Amino acid sequence: MSTTIEGLGLARLSWRPPLRSRLAEWGSLSLRRLSRSLRRGRADDFDITASRDSRPAAAELLDRFSTLSGQVHALSDDPWQLLWGRQRRAFLPMHVGSSTLIAWRDPVGPPEDATEVIRGFQSYAAACGKHAVLLGMGRSVVESLPQDGFRSVWLGAEPFYDLQTWHTRGKAGEEIRQACNHARKHGGSAREVYPLRDADIRRGIEDVTEAWMQARPQRRNRSFLRTAPLERAEQRRYFVVEGDQRIESLLVCSRVSQRGQYLQDLVRRPDALRGSHELNIVTAMTIFQSEGLEFVTGGIVPFYDPNRPRSEQRPQIGGILGKVIGRFDHLFRFSGLQQFRGKFAPSRVVDIYALLWPGILTPGLLRDVCALLWRR
């Protein structure tokens, strides 16, 4: 049975709704009027720091409370700012655009603090006279928000794998086993590697990444979502499938918290051994399992619905929003990602949303979001 949430002020949010809202249906609310109703002080009244100045405190909260992929971006060298809740018990990473404040993923901290931090973000946007966008919000956070003004858009899902029960036995794992066996049969072998210790491995990682990018120039994205395997290598783990004296496939994993890992980057040669990606993932998950980790996440899979056939995992939306989504589908190949992730049946799936305040799509908002997610 479908579950429905009434409200968040402006929208009817369904369990896994298609993105079919039209801009005309999103109203003509006045940002200035809403800003006046929310304004609680000046912009400098809020506790905001540059992420690079607060890494120790942020890292401690990430280790204890992070639950989603990509929350660790708050520790990167990108120009994130952190908006803090009371007593710095929780924070929300954000980017300041020309007309929009853009937050990334759920607030990091005790779950009971999430609503307060998001309301602080909304109030800060009002004090600055800017729109507010929260990207990659998990369903539980969306449900916890009061009914007063956020527009919600379903973005996709994040698959999680419980390492206490994960396996590739039986019919569900047959396709994965066949792919791994094919890679092994044709000379592929998988292992964890350490590029900070091994110059040859470091060069091999650079070589396979360059081959992967040359195959599609659109992959050379310089935004915070870029594929740059050797950045902050001390915080990542690396798995490769080797064959014929070269790296066929590379898997880069990032820490979610002390309890889990994120399968962040999958890179392979255009002519790589078939099954090398599957063999890499199985190797990494088996090692994490042996280390006693609790879970692995596959990251956000845009417009992924595990209840629909792989062939139907495509966004269906028109208008300007549809054009924007189509542009990012062309750049990032959502459909291929959906089909590949669909081979690995998750233990659970978290629906992921964007929240917009005051709920109006403007050229400035779209420009700021696109500039954050894609930069040449």
Protein backbone atom coordinates (compact mmCIF):
# COMPACT_ATOMS: atom_id res chain seq x y z
CA MET A 1 0.00 0.00 0.00
CA SER A 2 1.32 3.45 -0.87
CA THR A 3 2.10 5.75 2.02
CA THR A 4 1.30 9.45 1.67
CA ILE A 5 2.52 12.47 3.59
CA GLU A 6 0.24 15.48 3.55
CA GLY A 7 1.84 18.85 3.65
CA LEU A 8 5.25 20.28 3.89
CA GLY A 9 3.06 23.28 3.19
CA LEU A 10 3.13 23.30 -0.58
CA ALA A 11 3.20 19.76 -1.85
CA ARG A 12 1.66 16.35 -1.60
CA LEU A 13 4.61 13.97 -1.14
CA SER A 14 4.03 10.34 -2.05
CA TRP A 15 6.21 7.36 -1.19
CA ARG A 16 7.88 7.29 -4.58
CA PRO A 17 6.13 9.84 -6.78
CA PRO A 18 7.00 10.53 -10.40
CA LEU A 19 8.38 13.99 -11.15
CA ARG A 20 5.39 15.32 -13.11
CA SER A 21 4.61 18.62 -11.40
CA ARG A 22 4.45 21.57 -13.77
CA LEU A 23 5.99 24.92 -13.03
CA ALA A 24 2.57 26.57 -13.32
CA GLU A 25 1.31 24.41 -10.48
CA TRP A 26 4.10 25.53 -8.17
CA GLY A 27 2.44 28.87 -7.48
CA SER A 28 3.73 32.39 -7.37
CA LEU A 29 4.71 32.82 -3.74
CA SER A 30 6.69 35.93 -2.91
CA LEU A 31 10.20 35.23 -1.64
CA ARG A 32 10.26 38.69 -0.10
CA ARG A 33 6.99 38.09 1.79
CA LEU A 34 8.11 34.69 3.04
CA SER A 35 11.51 36.05 4.01
CA ARG A 36 9.86 38.69 6.18
CA SER A 37 7.73 36.05 7.90
CA LEU A 38 10.79 33.91 8.72
CA ARG A 39 13.40 36.58 9.42
CA ARG A 40 14.70 36.21 12.96
CA GLY A 41 17.80 38.35 12.78
CA ARG A 42 20.65 39.32 10.56
CA ALA A 43 22.67 36.88 8.48
CA ASP A 44 25.65 37.28 10.82
CA ASP A 45 23.57 36.09 13.78
CA PHE A 46 23.93 32.46 12.63
CA ASP A 47 26.77 30.10 13.60
CA ILE A 48 28.52 29.47 10.27
CA THR A 49 32.11 28.40 9.65
CA ALA A 50 34.21 27.46 6.65
CA SER A 51 34.49 23.68 6.52
CA ARG A 52 38.28 23.77 6.39
CA ASP A 53 38.30 25.66 9.72
CA SER A 54 36.09 23.11 11.48
CA ARG A 55 37.30 19.76 10.19
CA PRO A 56 38.12 18.12 13.54
CA ALA A 57 34.68 18.87 15.01
CA ALA A 58 32.91 17.91 11.77
CA ALA A 59 34.93 14.68 11.45
CA GLU A 60 33.97 13.63 14.97
CA LEU A 61 30.26 14.10 14.23
CA LEU A 62 30.60 12.29 10.90
CA ASP A 63 32.23 9.29 12.60
CA ARG A 64 29.41 9.10 15.14
CA PHE A 65 26.30 10.07 13.20
CA SER A 66 26.78 9.97 9.42
CA THR A 67 24.36 7.55 7.76
CA LEU A 68 24.32 8.54 4.07
CA SER A 69 26.82 8.55 1.24
CA GLY A 70 28.49 11.83 0.42
CA GLN A 71 28.09 13.46 3.82
CA VAL A 72 31.87 13.22 4.07
CA HIS A 73 32.12 15.86 1.30
CA ALA A 74 31.96 18.34 4.17
CA LEU A 75 35.63 17.51 4.84
CA SER A 76 36.77 18.05 1.25
CA ASP A 77 38.75 21.00 -0.09
CA ASP A 78 35.67 22.36 -1.85
CA PRO A 79 34.31 25.70 -0.57
CA TRP A 80 31.66 24.31 1.76
CA GLN A 81 30.35 26.27 4.69
CA LEU A 82 28.89 24.57 7.77
CA LEU A 83 25.76 25.87 9.42
CA TRP A 84 25.76 24.70 13.04
CA GLY A 85 22.89 23.91 15.36
CA ARG A 86 22.76 24.63 19.08
CA GLN A 87 25.97 23.91 20.99
CA ARG A 88 27.43 22.63 17.70
CA ARG A 89 25.76 19.28 18.22
CA ALA A 90 24.92 19.07 14.49
CA PHE A 91 25.81 20.78 11.22
CA LEU A 92 24.62 21.11 7.65
CA PRO A 93 27.09 21.60 4.76
CA MET A 94 26.02 24.32 2.35
CA HIS A 95 27.14 26.19 -0.73
CA VAL A 96 26.35 29.87 -1.24
CA GLY A 97 25.22 30.70 -4.76
CA SER A 98 24.34 34.08 -6.22
CA SER A 99 20.66 33.70 -5.42
CA THR A 100 20.45 30.33 -3.66
CA LEU A 101 21.75 28.56 -0.58
CA ILE A 102 22.25 24.88 -1.41
CA ALA A 103 22.60 22.29 1.36
CA TRP A 104 23.94 18.78 0.72
CA ARG A 105 22.49 15.63 2.31
CA ASP A 106 20.97 15.27 5.79
CA PRO A 107 22.24 17.28 8.76
CA VAL A 108 25.06 15.45 10.56
CA GLY A 109 24.38 14.96 14.26
CA PRO A 110 21.77 13.41 16.56
CA PRO A 111 18.60 12.69 14.54
CA GLU A 112 16.49 14.76 16.93
CA ASP A 113 18.51 17.86 15.96
CA ALA A 114 17.86 17.59 12.21
CA THR A 115 14.65 19.61 12.11
CA GLU A 116 16.14 22.47 14.11
CA VAL A 117 19.18 22.68 11.83
CA ILE A 118 17.04 22.69 8.68
CA ARG A 119 14.81 25.39 10.12
CA GLY A 120 17.95 27.37 10.88
CA PHE A 121 19.04 26.93 7.26
CA GLN A 122 15.65 28.16 6.08
CA SER A 123 15.83 31.19 8.38
CA TYR A 124 19.37 31.97 7.26
CA ALA A 125 18.25 31.90 3.62
CA ALA A 126 15.44 34.29 4.52
CA ALA A 127 17.84 36.63 6.32
CA CYS A 128 20.07 36.61 3.22
CA GLY A 129 17.13 37.12 0.84
CA LYS A 130 17.96 33.89 -1.02
CA HIS A 131 16.16 30.75 -2.05
CA ALA A 132 16.97 27.56 -0.09
CA VAL A 133 17.54 24.15 -1.67
CA LEU A 134 18.37 20.97 0.22
CA LEU A 135 19.69 18.21 -2.05
CA GLY A 136 19.77 14.52 -1.19
CA MET A 137 17.51 14.55 1.86
CA GLY A 138 16.52 11.14 3.23
CA ARG A 139 12.86 10.31 3.67
CA SER A 140 12.96 10.24 7.47
CA VAL A 141 14.20 13.84 7.59
CA VAL A 142 11.57 14.96 5.07
CA GLU A 143 8.83 13.37 7.16
CA SER A 144 10.03 15.09 10.31
CA LEU A 145 9.74 18.63 8.96
CA PRO A 146 6.79 20.87 9.90
CA GLN A 147 4.17 21.72 7.32
CA ASP A 148 5.24 25.22 6.45
CA GLY A 149 6.73 25.81 3.11
CA PHE A 150 9.11 23.27 1.56
CA ARG A 151 8.43 21.93 -1.90
CA SER A 152 9.57 18.33 -2.27
CA VAL A 153 10.86 16.58 -5.38
CA TRP A 154 11.72 12.89 -5.44
CA LEU A 155 15.25 12.40 -6.80
CA GLY A 156 15.77 8.65 -6.57
CA ALA A 157 16.95 6.19 -3.96
CA GLU A 158 20.02 5.10 -2.05
CA PRO A 159 20.51 1.32 -1.76
CA PHE A 160 22.04 -0.10 1.42
CA TYR A 161 23.52 -3.55 1.99
CA ASP A 162 23.49 -5.12 5.44
CA LEU A 163 26.86 -6.85 5.70
CA GLN A 164 25.64 -9.24 8.39
CA THR A 165 23.32 -10.88 5.88
CA TRP A 166 24.73 -9.92 2.46
CA HIS A 167 25.73 -12.77 0.10
CA THR A 168 25.67 -13.72 -3.59
CA ARG A 169 24.20 -17.20 -3.17
CA GLY A 170 21.05 -18.43 -4.84
CA LYS A 171 19.14 -17.13 -7.82
CA ALA A 172 19.34 -13.49 -6.72
CA GLY A 173 23.14 -13.57 -6.96
CA GLU A 174 23.41 -15.72 -10.09
CA GLU A 175 24.10 -12.81 -12.48
CA ILE A 176 26.80 -11.44 -10.19
CA ARG A 177 28.49 -14.84 -9.80
CA GLN A 178 28.51 -15.35 -13.56
CA ALA A 179 30.10 -11.94 -14.13
CA CYS A 180 32.79 -12.57 -11.50
CA ASN A 181 33.54 -16.02 -12.87
CA HIS A 182 33.90 -14.62 -16.38
CA ALA A 183 36.42 -12.02 -15.19
CA ARG A 184 38.44 -14.64 -13.28
CA LYS A 185 38.33 -17.13 -16.17
CA HIS A 186 39.88 -14.54 -18.47
CA GLY A 187 42.73 -13.65 -16.16
CA GLY A 188 41.22 -11.04 -13.86
CA SER A 189 42.19 -10.95 -10.20
CA ALA A 190 40.94 -8.55 -7.53
CA ARG A 191 42.66 -7.09 -4.47
CA GLU A 192 42.80 -4.05 -2.23
CA VAL A 193 45.66 -1.66 -3.05
CA TYR A 194 47.37 1.28 -1.34
CA PRO A 195 48.39 4.07 -3.72
CA LEU A 196 50.09 6.11 -1.01
CA ARG A 197 52.55 3.26 -0.49
CA ASP A 198 52.96 2.02 -4.07
CA ALA A 199 54.01 4.37 -6.89
CA ASP A 200 53.19 1.74 -9.56
CA ILE A 201 49.65 1.40 -8.26
CA ARG A 202 49.30 5.17 -8.16
CA ARG A 203 50.33 5.41 -11.80
CA GLY A 204 47.98 2.54 -12.68
CA ILE A 205 45.06 4.35 -11.05
CA GLU A 206 45.88 7.52 -12.98
CA ASP A 207 46.10 5.51 -16.22
CA VAL A 208 42.77 3.70 -15.89
CA THR A 209 41.04 6.92 -14.81
CA GLU A 210 42.38 8.78 -17.85
CA ALA A 211 41.25 5.97 -20.17
CA TRP A 212 37.79 6.09 -18.61
CA MET A 213 37.54 9.87 -19.05
CA GLN A 214 38.81 9.85 -22.61
CA ALA A 215 35.98 7.50 -23.54
CA ARG A 216 33.45 10.22 -22.61
CA PRO A 217 34.73 13.80 -22.24
CA GLN A 218 31.62 14.68 -20.18
CA ARG A 219 33.16 12.73 -17.31
CA ARG A 220 35.68 15.53 -16.73
CA ASN A 221 33.54 17.21 -14.12
CA ARG A 222 35.31 19.58 -11.72
CA SER A 223 32.41 19.98 -9.28
CA PHE A 224 32.43 18.37 -5.85
CA LEU A 225 30.93 15.29 -7.55
CA ARG A 226 34.05 14.90 -9.69
CA THR A 227 35.81 11.59 -10.12
CA ALA A 228 39.29 12.26 -8.72
CA PRO A 229 40.37 8.97 -7.14
CA LEU A 230 43.65 10.15 -5.62
CA GLU A 231 42.26 13.21 -3.85
CA ARG A 232 42.41 12.81 -0.07
CA ALA A 233 43.70 9.28 -0.62
CA GLU A 234 44.40 8.86 3.10
CA GLN A 235 40.65 8.84 3.70
CA ARG A 236 39.74 6.37 0.96
CA ARG A 237 40.14 2.69 0.18
CA TYR A 238 41.00 1.26 -3.22
CA PHE A 239 40.17 -2.01 -4.95
CA VAL A 240 41.33 -3.06 -8.40
CA VAL A 241 40.84 -5.89 -10.84
CA GLU A 242 44.08 -6.52 -12.71
CA GLY A 243 44.65 -8.47 -15.88
CA ASP A 244 47.26 -8.58 -18.59
CA GLN A 245 49.62 -6.29 -16.64
CA ARG A 246 47.16 -3.42 -16.27
CA ILE A 247 44.29 -2.29 -14.05
CA GLU A 248 41.04 -3.24 -15.73
CA SER A 249 38.66 -1.77 -13.16
CA LEU A 250 38.97 0.53 -10.14
CA LEU A 251 36.64 0.90 -7.17
CA VAL A 252 37.16 3.81 -4.77
CA CYS A 253 35.37 3.66 -1.40
CA SER A 254 34.83 6.42 1.14
CA ARG A 255 33.97 6.15 4.78
CA VAL A 256 30.40 6.91 5.79
CA SER A 257 31.00 6.56 9.50
CA GLN A 258 32.71 4.11 11.83
CA ARG A 259 30.01 1.63 10.79
CA GLY A 260 29.93 1.73 7.01
CA GLN A 261 31.52 2.44 3.63
CA TYR A 262 30.34 4.09 0.43
CA LEU A 263 31.05 2.52 -2.98
CA GLN A 264 31.89 5.93 -4.42
CA ASP A 265 33.66 5.69 -7.78
CA LEU A 266 33.59 2.86 -10.31
CA VAL A 267 36.09 3.39 -13.13
CA ARG A 268 36.98 0.96 -15.89
CA ARG A 269 38.69 0.84 -19.25
CA PRO A 270 36.41 0.95 -22.30
CA ASP A 271 37.69 -2.53 -23.24
CA ALA A 272 37.92 -3.90 -19.69
CA LEU A 273 37.25 -7.54 -18.89
CA ARG A 274 33.54 -8.17 -18.66
CA GLY A 275 32.61 -8.70 -15.04
CA SER A 276 35.48 -6.68 -13.60
CA HIS A 277 33.18 -4.15 -11.91
CA GLU A 278 31.16 -6.91 -10.27
CA LEU A 279 34.32 -8.68 -9.11
CA ASN A 280 35.63 -5.44 -7.60
CA ILE A 281 32.43 -4.78 -5.66
CA VAL A 282 32.17 -8.34 -4.36
CA THR A 283 35.81 -8.25 -3.23
CA ALA A 284 35.37 -4.96 -1.38
CA MET A 285 32.14 -6.01 0.31
CA THR A 286 33.63 -9.35 1.37
CA ILE A 287 36.58 -7.55 2.98
CA PHE A 288 34.32 -5.05 4.73
CA GLN A 289 32.20 -7.95 5.93
CA SER A 290 35.25 -9.70 7.41
CA GLU A 291 36.21 -6.48 9.21
CA GLY A 292 32.89 -6.36 11.02
CA LEU A 293 31.45 -3.27 9.31
CA GLU A 294 27.68 -3.00 9.46
CA PHE A 295 26.71 -1.73 6.03
CA VAL A 296 27.73 -0.55 2.59
CA THR A 297 25.86 2.05 0.55
CA GLY A 298 25.77 2.31 -3.22
CA GLY A 299 25.19 6.08 -3.11
CA ILE A 300 22.34 8.02 -4.65
CA VAL A 301 20.97 6.33 -7.77
CA PRO A 302 18.87 9.00 -9.54
CA PHE A 303 15.30 7.97 -10.32
CA TYR A 304 15.94 4.41 -9.17
CA ASP A 305 12.90 2.45 -8.01
CA PRO A 306 13.67 -1.18 -7.05
CA ASN A 307 10.02 -2.09 -7.62
CA ARG A 308 10.21 -1.28 -11.34
CA PRO A 309 11.97 -3.27 -14.09
CA ARG A 310 15.45 -2.05 -15.03
CA SER A 311 14.25 -1.13 -18.51
CA GLU A 312 11.81 1.39 -17.00
CA GLN A 313 14.29 3.20 -14.75
CA ARG A 314 14.10 6.49 -16.58
CA PRO A 315 12.84 9.91 -15.46
CA GLN A 316 9.53 10.87 -17.06
CA ILE A 317 9.06 14.63 -16.86
CA GLY A 318 8.58 17.53 -19.23
CA GLY A 319 9.07 21.27 -19.08
CA ILE A 320 12.17 23.14 -18.02
CA LEU A 321 12.83 20.78 -15.10
CA GLY A 322 12.70 17.87 -17.51
CA LYS A 323 15.28 19.57 -19.73
CA VAL A 324 17.60 20.11 -16.77
CA ILE A 325 17.24 16.48 -15.68
CA GLY A 326 17.76 15.33 -19.25
CA ARG A 327 20.98 17.31 -19.40
CA PHE A 328 22.32 15.64 -16.27
CA ASP A 329 21.12 12.24 -17.51
CA HIS A 330 23.22 12.81 -20.62
CA LEU A 331 26.25 13.84 -18.55
CA PHE A 332 26.10 11.17 -15.86
CA ARG A 333 24.23 8.33 -17.65
CA PHE A 334 21.70 7.71 -14.88
CA SER A 335 20.13 4.86 -16.82
CA GLY A 336 23.33 2.83 -17.01
CA LEU A 337 23.99 3.41 -13.31
CA GLN A 338 20.46 2.29 -12.47
CA GLN A 339 20.79 -0.91 -14.45
CA PHE A 340 24.19 -1.79 -12.98
CA ARG A 341 23.19 -1.07 -9.37
CA GLY A 342 20.04 -3.08 -9.95
CA LYS A 343 22.13 -6.27 -10.19
CA PHE A 344 22.89 -6.00 -6.47
CA ALA A 345 19.65 -6.48 -4.56
CA PRO A 346 19.78 -4.09 -1.57
CA SER A 347 18.81 -4.95 1.99
CA ARG A 348 16.90 -1.68 2.18
CA VAL A 349 16.36 1.43 0.10
CA VAL A 350 16.09 5.03 1.30
CA ASP A 351 14.11 7.41 -0.89
CA ILE A 352 15.96 10.63 -1.58
CA TYR A 353 14.44 14.09 -2.13
CA ALA A 354 15.24 17.69 -2.88
CA LEU A 355 13.49 20.32 -0.79
CA LEU A 356 12.94 23.81 -2.16
CA TRP A 357 11.95 26.97 -0.33
CA PRO A 358 9.79 28.81 -1.10
CA GLY A 359 9.04 26.30 -3.83
CA ILE A 360 9.46 28.43 -6.94
CA LEU A 361 11.78 27.40 -9.74
CA THR A 362 13.65 30.45 -11.00
CA PRO A 363 16.44 30.81 -13.58
CA GLY A 364 18.82 31.88 -10.80
CA LEU A 365 18.03 28.82 -8.69
CA LEU A 366 18.52 26.44 -11.62
CA ARG A 367 21.74 28.21 -12.59
CA ASP A 368 23.14 27.92 -9.05
CA VAL A 369 22.23 24.24 -8.71
CA CYS A 370 23.68 23.36 -12.12
CA ALA A 371 26.87 25.31 -11.37
CA LEU A 372 27.31 23.36 -8.11
CA LEU A 373 26.76 19.93 -9.67
CA TRP A 374 28.58 20.43 -12.95
CA ARG A 375 31.70 22.49 -13.64
CA ARG A 376 34.13 22.10 -16.54
